[in-house]
Amino acid sequence: MKPLKALIVEDNAFMATVFYDMLQQYATKITVIEIAKTGNEAIALIASIKPNVIFLDIELPDMTGFELLQQLENINFQTVFTTSHSHYAIKAFRFNALDYLVKPINEIELDEAIKRVLKSANNSIEIKNALSNLEVQSLENQKLVLPQQNGTLRLPLKQITHIESESNYSYIHLLNGKKELSSKNLAYFEDILLDKNFYRSHRSYLINRFHIKALAAGHFILKNGMEIPISRRKETEAKTWFFSL
């Protein structure tokens, strides 16, 4: 198997050098061909060297990593995003099930990312779905992406009524009465869905504002008639949240 051709897109020269050295040391099956400092430079290099994988900084001087990808007619490579502790970016990666590394890059996490790159033929479909998701203006029409053993689950937010904790797992309850089991805990979903009109009313429940019919004493009433409890310590906060939307 020939080494995969890699492009590093990183505007910080020191960080780019460190990352290059790490890949040289820990990724024998990946060869870094070029380093781009801007989005426009990266677009030109993608066309000329046709990389198999791109390590893409999400925050570039002239555009974001997402904007860079949106300008490409075809995405024929794998993408691993890099970010400097940008909570907003990390939430976007998790929501869309995208591969990412947090800078300064950890050797163990880099090794795991490389294994995923070598195992997968291409993640261009995931990238294209993520770009489509980012273009959707209405929150309820965005799709939550969840990798599963037998494939990838894409759930429109408007189809999710609530998420229920089940030990270290979660049940995602859907409008049609079905539910999907996820290996992610409720805290994970709370983090990525809090700014998408979801609210954790109880230690065991995360609720979708889109499906709430009314607020009653100690619980929310969903449009399907189900009651979701509100913990006693959150009653005032829940009322504020509900009437502020």
C-alpha atoms as a PDB file:
ATOM      1  CA  MET A   1       0.000   0.000   0.000  1.00  0.00           C
ATOM      2  CA  LYS A   2       1.391   3.384  -1.040  1.00  0.00           C
ATOM      3  CA  PRO A   3       1.590   6.056   1.672  1.00  0.00           C
ATOM      4  CA  LEU A   4      -1.356   8.446   1.654  1.00  0.00           C
ATOM      5  CA  LYS A   5      -0.556  11.933   0.382  1.00  0.00           C
ATOM      6  CA  ALA A   6      -1.345  14.536   3.026  1.00  0.00           C
ATOM      7  CA  LEU A   7      -1.819  18.295   3.028  1.00  0.00           C
ATOM      8  CA  ILE A   8      -1.531  20.311   6.243  1.00  0.00           C
ATOM      9  CA  VAL A   9      -3.579  23.520   6.261  1.00  0.00           C
ATOM     10  CA  GLU A  10      -2.329  25.617   9.180  1.00  0.00           C
ATOM     11  CA  ASP A  11      -1.583  29.347   9.350  1.00  0.00           C
ATOM     12  CA  ASN A  12       0.635  29.126  12.452  1.00  0.00           C
ATOM     13  CA  ALA A  13       4.123  28.298  11.157  1.00  0.00           C
ATOM     14  CA  PHE A  14       5.348  26.856  14.458  1.00  0.00           C
ATOM     15  CA  MET A  15       2.232  24.682  14.858  1.00  0.00           C
ATOM     16  CA  ALA A  16       2.524  23.512  11.248  1.00  0.00           C
ATOM     17  CA  THR A  17       6.165  22.474  11.791  1.00  0.00           C
ATOM     18  CA  VAL A  18       5.343  20.609  14.996  1.00  0.00           C
ATOM     19  CA  PHE A  19       2.436  18.838  13.323  1.00  0.00           C
ATOM     20  CA  TYR A  20       4.600  17.944  10.310  1.00  0.00           C
ATOM     21  CA  ASP A  21       7.272  16.437  12.585  1.00  0.00           C
ATOM     22  CA  MET A  22       4.642  14.451  14.512  1.00  0.00           C
ATOM     23  CA  LEU A  23       3.216  12.990  11.321  1.00  0.00           C
ATOM     24  CA  GLN A  24       6.704  12.115  10.115  1.00  0.00           C
ATOM     25  CA  GLN A  25       7.348  10.291  13.372  1.00  0.00           C
ATOM     26  CA  TYR A  26       4.008   8.621  14.090  1.00  0.00           C
ATOM     27  CA  ALA A  27       2.376   8.189  10.677  1.00  0.00           C
ATOM     28  CA  THR A  28       4.639   6.086   8.502  1.00  0.00           C
ATOM     29  CA  LYS A  29       1.768   5.373   6.114  1.00  0.00           C
ATOM     30  CA  ILE A  30       1.107   9.082   5.545  1.00  0.00           C
ATOM     31  CA  THR A  31       3.439  11.407   3.640  1.00  0.00           C
ATOM     32  CA  VAL A  32       3.009  15.163   3.998  1.00  0.00           C
ATOM     33  CA  ILE A  33       3.396  16.684   0.544  1.00  0.00           C
ATOM     34  CA  GLU A  34       2.670  20.347   1.268  1.00  0.00           C
ATOM     35  CA  ILE A  35       1.728  22.850   3.970  1.00  0.00           C
ATOM     36  CA  ALA A  36      -0.761  25.624   3.180  1.00  0.00           C
ATOM     37  CA  LYS A  37      -1.064  28.766   5.303  1.00  0.00           C
ATOM     38  CA  THR A  38      -4.349  30.102   3.916  1.00  0.00           C
ATOM     39  CA  GLY A  39      -7.581  28.760   2.517  1.00  0.00           C
ATOM     40  CA  ASN A  40      -6.904  30.062  -0.978  1.00  0.00           C
ATOM     41  CA  GLU A  41      -3.453  28.490  -0.977  1.00  0.00           C
ATOM     42  CA  ALA A  42      -4.974  25.208   0.169  1.00  0.00           C
ATOM     43  CA  ILE A  43      -7.593  25.258  -2.613  1.00  0.00           C
ATOM     44  CA  ALA A  44      -4.840  25.661  -5.223  1.00  0.00           C
ATOM     45  CA  LEU A  45      -2.759  22.860  -3.691  1.00  0.00           C
ATOM     46  CA  ILE A  46      -5.731  20.498  -3.501  1.00  0.00           C
ATOM     47  CA  ALA A  47      -6.183  20.910  -7.249  1.00  0.00           C
ATOM     48  CA  SER A  48      -2.490  20.350  -8.008  1.00  0.00           C
ATOM     49  CA  ILE A  49      -1.353  17.594  -5.619  1.00  0.00           C
ATOM     50  CA  LYS A  50      -4.705  15.806  -5.163  1.00  0.00           C
ATOM     51  CA  PRO A  51      -4.161  14.748  -1.539  1.00  0.00           C
ATOM     52  CA  ASN A  52      -5.698  11.647   0.026  1.00  0.00           C
ATOM     53  CA  VAL A  53      -6.098  13.358   3.388  1.00  0.00           C
ATOM     54  CA  ILE A  54      -6.159  16.953   4.638  1.00  0.00           C
ATOM     55  CA  PHE A  55      -5.459  18.078   8.175  1.00  0.00           C
ATOM     56  CA  LEU A  56      -7.522  21.261   8.129  1.00  0.00           C
ATOM     57  CA  ASP A  57      -7.374  24.108  10.621  1.00  0.00           C
ATOM     58  CA  ILE A  58     -10.915  25.360  11.155  1.00  0.00           C
ATOM     59  CA  GLU A  59      -9.816  28.991  11.640  1.00  0.00           C
ATOM     60  CA  LEU A  60      -7.716  30.387   8.776  1.00  0.00           C
ATOM     61  CA  PRO A  61      -6.816  34.037   8.013  1.00  0.00           C
ATOM     62  CA  ASP A  62      -9.012  34.287   4.912  1.00  0.00           C
ATOM     63  CA  MET A  63     -11.824  31.802   5.633  1.00  0.00           C
ATOM     64  CA  THR A  64     -12.958  28.990   7.891  1.00  0.00           C
ATOM     65  CA  GLY A  65     -12.226  25.359   7.144  1.00  0.00           C
ATOM     66  CA  PHE A  66     -15.914  24.823   6.373  1.00  0.00           C
ATOM     67  CA  GLU A  67     -15.918  27.739   3.928  1.00  0.00           C
ATOM     68  CA  LEU A  68     -12.865  26.263   2.229  1.00  0.00           C
ATOM     69  CA  LEU A  69     -14.633  22.941   1.683  1.00  0.00           C
ATOM     70  CA  GLN A  70     -17.762  24.686   0.420  1.00  0.00           C
ATOM     71  CA  GLN A  71     -15.721  26.210  -2.412  1.00  0.00           C
ATOM     72  CA  LEU A  72     -14.606  22.823  -3.722  1.00  0.00           C
ATOM     73  CA  GLU A  73     -16.569  21.207  -6.511  1.00  0.00           C
ATOM     74  CA  ASN A  74     -15.483  17.729  -5.480  1.00  0.00           C
ATOM     75  CA  ILE A  75     -14.201  16.413  -2.140  1.00  0.00           C
ATOM     76  CA  ASN A  76     -12.114  13.364  -3.009  1.00  0.00           C
ATOM     77  CA  PHE A  77     -10.102  13.147   0.183  1.00  0.00           C
ATOM     78  CA  GLN A  78     -10.491  12.497   3.884  1.00  0.00           C
ATOM     79  CA  THR A  79     -10.595  15.449   6.237  1.00  0.00           C
ATOM     80  CA  VAL A  80      -9.370  15.687   9.809  1.00  0.00           C
ATOM     81  CA  PHE A  81     -10.147  19.089  11.319  1.00  0.00           C
ATOM     82  CA  THR A  82      -7.851  20.788  13.815  1.00  0.00           C
ATOM     83  CA  THR A  83      -8.867  23.483  16.277  1.00  0.00           C
ATOM     84  CA  SER A  84      -7.443  25.421  19.213  1.00  0.00           C
ATOM     85  CA  HIS A  85      -9.978  24.691  21.958  1.00  0.00           C
ATOM     86  CA  SER A  86     -12.804  26.375  20.077  1.00  0.00           C
ATOM     87  CA  HIS A  87     -15.858  25.085  21.927  1.00  0.00           C
ATOM     88  CA  TYR A  88     -18.176  26.212  19.138  1.00  0.00           C
ATOM     89  CA  ALA A  89     -16.138  24.322  16.527  1.00  0.00           C
ATOM     90  CA  ILE A  90     -15.926  21.180  18.671  1.00  0.00           C
ATOM     91  CA  LYS A  91     -19.699  21.191  19.124  1.00  0.00           C
ATOM     92  CA  ALA A  92     -20.123  21.435  15.348  1.00  0.00           C
ATOM     93  CA  PHE A  93     -17.745  18.510  14.844  1.00  0.00           C
ATOM     94  CA  ARG A  94     -19.574  16.367  17.382  1.00  0.00           C
ATOM     95  CA  PHE A  95     -23.018  17.294  16.076  1.00  0.00           C
ATOM     96  CA  ASN A  96     -21.965  16.236  12.568  1.00  0.00           C
ATOM     97  CA  ALA A  97     -19.810  13.265  13.680  1.00  0.00           C
ATOM     98  CA  LEU A  98     -16.666  14.709  12.069  1.00  0.00           C
ATOM     99  CA  ASP A  99     -13.094  13.713  12.878  1.00  0.00           C
ATOM    100  CA  TYR A 100     -11.085  16.391  14.673  1.00  0.00           C
ATOM    101  CA  LEU A 101      -7.957  17.043  16.745  1.00  0.00           C
ATOM    102  CA  VAL A 102      -7.589  19.696  19.438  1.00  0.00           C
ATOM    103  CA  LYS A 103      -4.362  21.725  19.435  1.00  0.00           C
ATOM    104  CA  PRO A 104      -1.811  21.323  20.912  1.00  0.00           C
ATOM    105  CA  ILE A 105      -2.151  17.906  19.341  1.00  0.00           C
ATOM    106  CA  ASN A 106      -1.838  14.904  21.616  1.00  0.00           C
ATOM    107  CA  GLU A 107       0.218  11.940  20.345  1.00  0.00           C
ATOM    108  CA  ILE A 108      -2.385   9.382  21.439  1.00  0.00           C
ATOM    109  CA  GLU A 109      -5.261  11.283  19.820  1.00  0.00           C
ATOM    110  CA  LEU A 110      -3.208  11.737  16.649  1.00  0.00           C
ATOM    111  CA  ASP A 111      -2.515   8.016  16.528  1.00  0.00           C
ATOM    112  CA  GLU A 112      -6.239   7.260  16.898  1.00  0.00           C
ATOM    113  CA  ALA A 113      -7.108   9.751  14.143  1.00  0.00           C
ATOM    114  CA  ILE A 114      -4.532   8.185  11.817  1.00  0.00           C
ATOM    115  CA  LYS A 115      -5.986   4.725  12.471  1.00  0.00           C
ATOM    116  CA  ARG A 116      -9.438   6.021  11.524  1.00  0.00           C
ATOM    117  CA  VAL A 117      -8.046   7.598   8.353  1.00  0.00           C
ATOM    118  CA  LEU A 118      -6.326   4.361   7.322  1.00  0.00           C
ATOM    119  CA  LYS A 119      -9.395   2.282   8.142  1.00  0.00           C
ATOM    120  CA  SER A 120     -11.855   4.421   6.208  1.00  0.00           C
ATOM    121  CA  ALA A 121     -11.792   4.742   2.441  1.00  0.00           C
ATOM    122  CA  ASN A 122     -13.261   8.254   2.452  1.00  0.00           C
ATOM    123  CA  ASN A 123     -15.318  10.528   4.695  1.00  0.00           C
ATOM    124  CA  SER A 124     -16.381  12.891   1.907  1.00  0.00           C
ATOM    125  CA  ILE A 125     -20.046  11.900   2.320  1.00  0.00           C
ATOM    126  CA  GLU A 126     -19.941  12.906   5.997  1.00  0.00           C
ATOM    127  CA  ILE A 127     -18.260  16.186   5.030  1.00  0.00           C
ATOM    128  CA  LYS A 128     -20.879  16.969   2.384  1.00  0.00           C
ATOM    129  CA  ASN A 129     -23.701  16.161   4.810  1.00  0.00           C
ATOM    130  CA  ALA A 130     -22.093  18.404   7.424  1.00  0.00           C
ATOM    131  CA  LEU A 131     -21.808  21.278   4.935  1.00  0.00           C
ATOM    132  CA  SER A 132     -25.485  20.830   4.047  1.00  0.00           C
ATOM    133  CA  ASN A 133     -26.329  20.844   7.740  1.00  0.00           C
ATOM    134  CA  LEU A 134     -24.460  24.122   8.242  1.00  0.00           C
ATOM    135  CA  GLU A 135     -26.419  25.746   5.417  1.00  0.00           C
ATOM    136  CA  VAL A 136     -29.798  24.862   6.960  1.00  0.00           C
ATOM    137  CA  GLN A 137     -31.118  27.976   8.677  1.00  0.00           C
ATOM    138  CA  SER A 138     -33.988  26.474  10.704  1.00  0.00           C
ATOM    139  CA  LEU A 139     -32.696  24.507  13.675  1.00  0.00           C
ATOM    140  CA  GLU A 140     -35.457  21.919  13.560  1.00  0.00           C
ATOM    141  CA  ASN A 141     -34.405  20.888  10.037  1.00  0.00           C
ATOM    142  CA  GLN A 142     -30.769  20.286  10.948  1.00  0.00           C
ATOM    143  CA  LYS A 143     -29.738  16.659  11.377  1.00  0.00           C
ATOM    144  CA  LEU A 144     -28.011  15.075  14.347  1.00  0.00           C
ATOM    145  CA  VAL A 145     -25.409  12.593  13.075  1.00  0.00           C
ATOM    146  CA  LEU A 146     -24.575   9.517  15.148  1.00  0.00           C
ATOM    147  CA  PRO A 147     -22.113   6.805  14.108  1.00  0.00           C
ATOM    148  CA  GLN A 148     -23.369   3.306  14.883  1.00  0.00           C
ATOM    149  CA  GLN A 149     -21.928  -0.176  14.504  1.00  0.00           C
ATOM    150  CA  ASN A 150     -24.028  -0.861  11.424  1.00  0.00           C
ATOM    151  CA  GLY A 151     -23.699   2.566   9.814  1.00  0.00           C
ATOM    152  CA  THR A 152     -24.529   6.213  10.467  1.00  0.00           C
ATOM    153  CA  LEU A 153     -27.797   7.522  11.890  1.00  0.00           C
ATOM    154  CA  ARG A 154     -29.005  10.932  10.714  1.00  0.00           C
ATOM    155  CA  LEU A 155     -31.932  12.285  12.701  1.00  0.00           C
ATOM    156  CA  PRO A 156     -33.669  15.591  11.875  1.00  0.00           C
ATOM    157  CA  LEU A 157     -33.953  17.550  15.110  1.00  0.00           C
ATOM    158  CA  LYS A 158     -37.673  18.079  14.516  1.00  0.00           C
ATOM    159  CA  GLN A 159     -38.139  14.295  14.738  1.00  0.00           C
ATOM    160  CA  ILE A 160     -36.559  14.115  18.224  1.00  0.00           C
ATOM    161  CA  THR A 161     -39.062  14.723  21.032  1.00  0.00           C
ATOM    162  CA  HIS A 162     -36.672  14.106  23.913  1.00  0.00           C
ATOM    163  CA  ILE A 163     -33.582  12.171  24.967  1.00  0.00           C
ATOM    164  CA  GLU A 164     -33.635   9.961  28.022  1.00  0.00           C
ATOM    165  CA  SER A 165     -30.658   8.841  30.087  1.00  0.00           C
ATOM    166  CA  GLU A 166     -30.115   5.110  30.512  1.00  0.00           C
ATOM    167  CA  SER A 167     -27.053   4.657  32.737  1.00  0.00           C
ATOM    168  CA  ASN A 168     -24.088   5.623  30.495  1.00  0.00           C
ATOM    169  CA  TYR A 169     -26.267   5.339  27.384  1.00  0.00           C
ATOM    170  CA  SER A 170     -29.144   7.387  26.019  1.00  0.00           C
ATOM    171  CA  TYR A 171     -32.450   6.666  24.331  1.00  0.00           C
ATOM    172  CA  ILE A 172     -33.389   9.136  21.597  1.00  0.00           C
ATOM    173  CA  HIS A 173     -37.192   9.272  21.442  1.00  0.00           C
ATOM    174  CA  LEU A 174     -38.698  10.080  18.052  1.00  0.00           C
ATOM    175  CA  LEU A 175     -41.960  11.617  16.906  1.00  0.00           C
ATOM    176  CA  ASN A 176     -43.134   8.326  15.381  1.00  0.00           C
ATOM    177  CA  GLY A 177     -42.931   6.608  18.782  1.00  0.00           C
ATOM    178  CA  LYS A 178     -39.706   4.758  18.066  1.00  0.00           C
ATOM    179  CA  LYS A 179     -36.492   5.219  20.008  1.00  0.00           C
ATOM    180  CA  GLU A 180     -32.815   4.823  19.123  1.00  0.00           C
ATOM    181  CA  LEU A 181     -30.168   3.684  21.611  1.00  0.00           C
ATOM    182  CA  SER A 182     -26.918   5.656  21.608  1.00  0.00           C
ATOM    183  CA  SER A 183     -23.666   4.876  23.407  1.00  0.00           C
ATOM    184  CA  LYS A 184     -23.330   8.606  24.203  1.00  0.00           C
ATOM    185  CA  ASN A 185     -24.443   9.786  27.641  1.00  0.00           C
ATOM    186  CA  LEU A 186     -26.933  12.572  28.240  1.00  0.00           C
ATOM    187  CA  ALA A 187     -24.193  15.112  29.052  1.00  0.00           C
ATOM    188  CA  TYR A 188     -22.822  14.641  25.533  1.00  0.00           C
ATOM    189  CA  PHE A 189     -26.172  15.468  23.954  1.00  0.00           C
ATOM    190  CA  GLU A 190     -26.754  18.357  26.329  1.00  0.00           C
ATOM    191  CA  ASP A 191     -23.455  19.930  25.238  1.00  0.00           C
ATOM    192  CA  ILE A 192     -24.122  19.767  21.503  1.00  0.00           C
ATOM    193  CA  LEU A 193     -27.867  20.502  21.579  1.00  0.00           C
ATOM    194  CA  LEU A 194     -28.159  23.226  24.206  1.00  0.00           C
ATOM    195  CA  ASP A 195     -27.976  25.995  21.576  1.00  0.00           C
ATOM    196  CA  LYS A 196     -30.475  24.166  19.360  1.00  0.00           C
ATOM    197  CA  ASN A 197     -33.524  24.702  21.600  1.00  0.00           C
ATOM    198  CA  PHE A 198     -33.005  21.625  23.752  1.00  0.00           C
ATOM    199  CA  TYR A 199     -33.116  21.870  27.533  1.00  0.00           C
ATOM    200  CA  ARG A 200     -32.101  19.479  30.309  1.00  0.00           C
ATOM    201  CA  SER A 201     -35.093  19.686  32.607  1.00  0.00           C
ATOM    202  CA  HIS A 202     -34.048  16.744  34.745  1.00  0.00           C
ATOM    203  CA  ARG A 203     -30.922  14.660  35.286  1.00  0.00           C
ATOM    204  CA  SER A 204     -32.510  11.968  33.126  1.00  0.00           C
ATOM    205  CA  TYR A 205     -34.181  14.068  30.412  1.00  0.00           C
ATOM    206  CA  LEU A 206     -33.232  16.447  27.609  1.00  0.00           C
ATOM    207  CA  ILE A 207     -36.281  17.953  25.918  1.00  0.00           C
ATOM    208  CA  ASN A 208     -36.866  19.515  22.499  1.00  0.00           C
ATOM    209  CA  ARG A 209     -38.642  22.905  22.672  1.00  0.00           C
ATOM    210  CA  PHE A 210     -40.214  22.221  19.267  1.00  0.00           C
ATOM    211  CA  HIS A 211     -42.412  19.494  20.782  1.00  0.00           C
ATOM    212  CA  ILE A 212     -43.490  21.179  24.025  1.00  0.00           C
ATOM    213  CA  LYS A 213     -47.182  21.985  24.277  1.00  0.00           C
ATOM    214  CA  ALA A 214     -47.284  23.487  27.749  1.00  0.00           C
ATOM    215  CA  LEU A 215     -45.480  24.015  31.040  1.00  0.00           C
ATOM    216  CA  ALA A 216     -47.260  22.631  34.112  1.00  0.00           C
ATOM    217  CA  ALA A 217     -46.315  22.312  37.768  1.00  0.00           C
ATOM    218  CA  GLY A 218     -43.240  20.103  37.906  1.00  0.00           C
ATOM    219  CA  HIS A 219     -43.267  18.954  34.297  1.00  0.00           C
ATOM    220  CA  PHE A 220     -43.449  19.819  30.622  1.00  0.00           C
ATOM    221  CA  ILE A 221     -46.307  18.474  28.516  1.00  0.00           C
ATOM    222  CA  LEU A 222     -45.370  17.375  25.026  1.00  0.00           C
ATOM    223  CA  LYS A 223     -47.663  17.683  22.013  1.00  0.00           C
ATOM    224  CA  ASN A 224     -48.037  13.902  22.049  1.00  0.00           C
ATOM    225  CA  GLY A 225     -49.334  14.073  25.620  1.00  0.00           C
ATOM    226  CA  MET A 226     -46.225  12.730  27.335  1.00  0.00           C
ATOM    227  CA  GLU A 227     -45.068  14.426  30.521  1.00  0.00           C
ATOM    228  CA  ILE A 228     -41.359  15.169  31.048  1.00  0.00           C
ATOM    229  CA  PRO A 229     -40.371  15.903  34.662  1.00  0.00           C
ATOM    230  CA  ILE A 230     -38.631  19.072  35.793  1.00  0.00           C
ATOM    231  CA  SER A 231     -36.304  18.679  38.745  1.00  0.00           C
ATOM    232  CA  ARG A 232     -37.271  20.801  41.739  1.00  0.00           C
ATOM    233  CA  ARG A 233     -34.056  22.834  41.659  1.00  0.00           C
ATOM    234  CA  LYS A 234     -34.665  23.720  38.000  1.00  0.00           C
ATOM    235  CA  GLU A 235     -38.275  24.887  38.191  1.00  0.00           C
ATOM    236  CA  THR A 236     -37.487  28.620  38.041  1.00  0.00           C
ATOM    237  CA  GLU A 237     -34.800  28.169  35.370  1.00  0.00           C
ATOM    238  CA  ALA A 238     -37.106  25.965  33.278  1.00  0.00           C
ATOM    239  CA  LYS A 239     -39.874  28.578  33.379  1.00  0.00           C
ATOM    240  CA  THR A 240     -37.420  31.311  32.316  1.00  0.00           C
ATOM    241  CA  TRP A 241     -36.102  29.153  29.469  1.00  0.00           C
ATOM    242  CA  PHE A 242     -39.573  28.197  28.240  1.00  0.00           C
ATOM    243  CA  PHE A 243     -41.000  31.729  28.147  1.00  0.00           C
ATOM    244  CA  SER A 244     -37.848  33.274  26.660  1.00  0.00           C
ATOM    245  CA  LEU A 245     -38.131  31.307  23.405  1.00  0.00           C
END
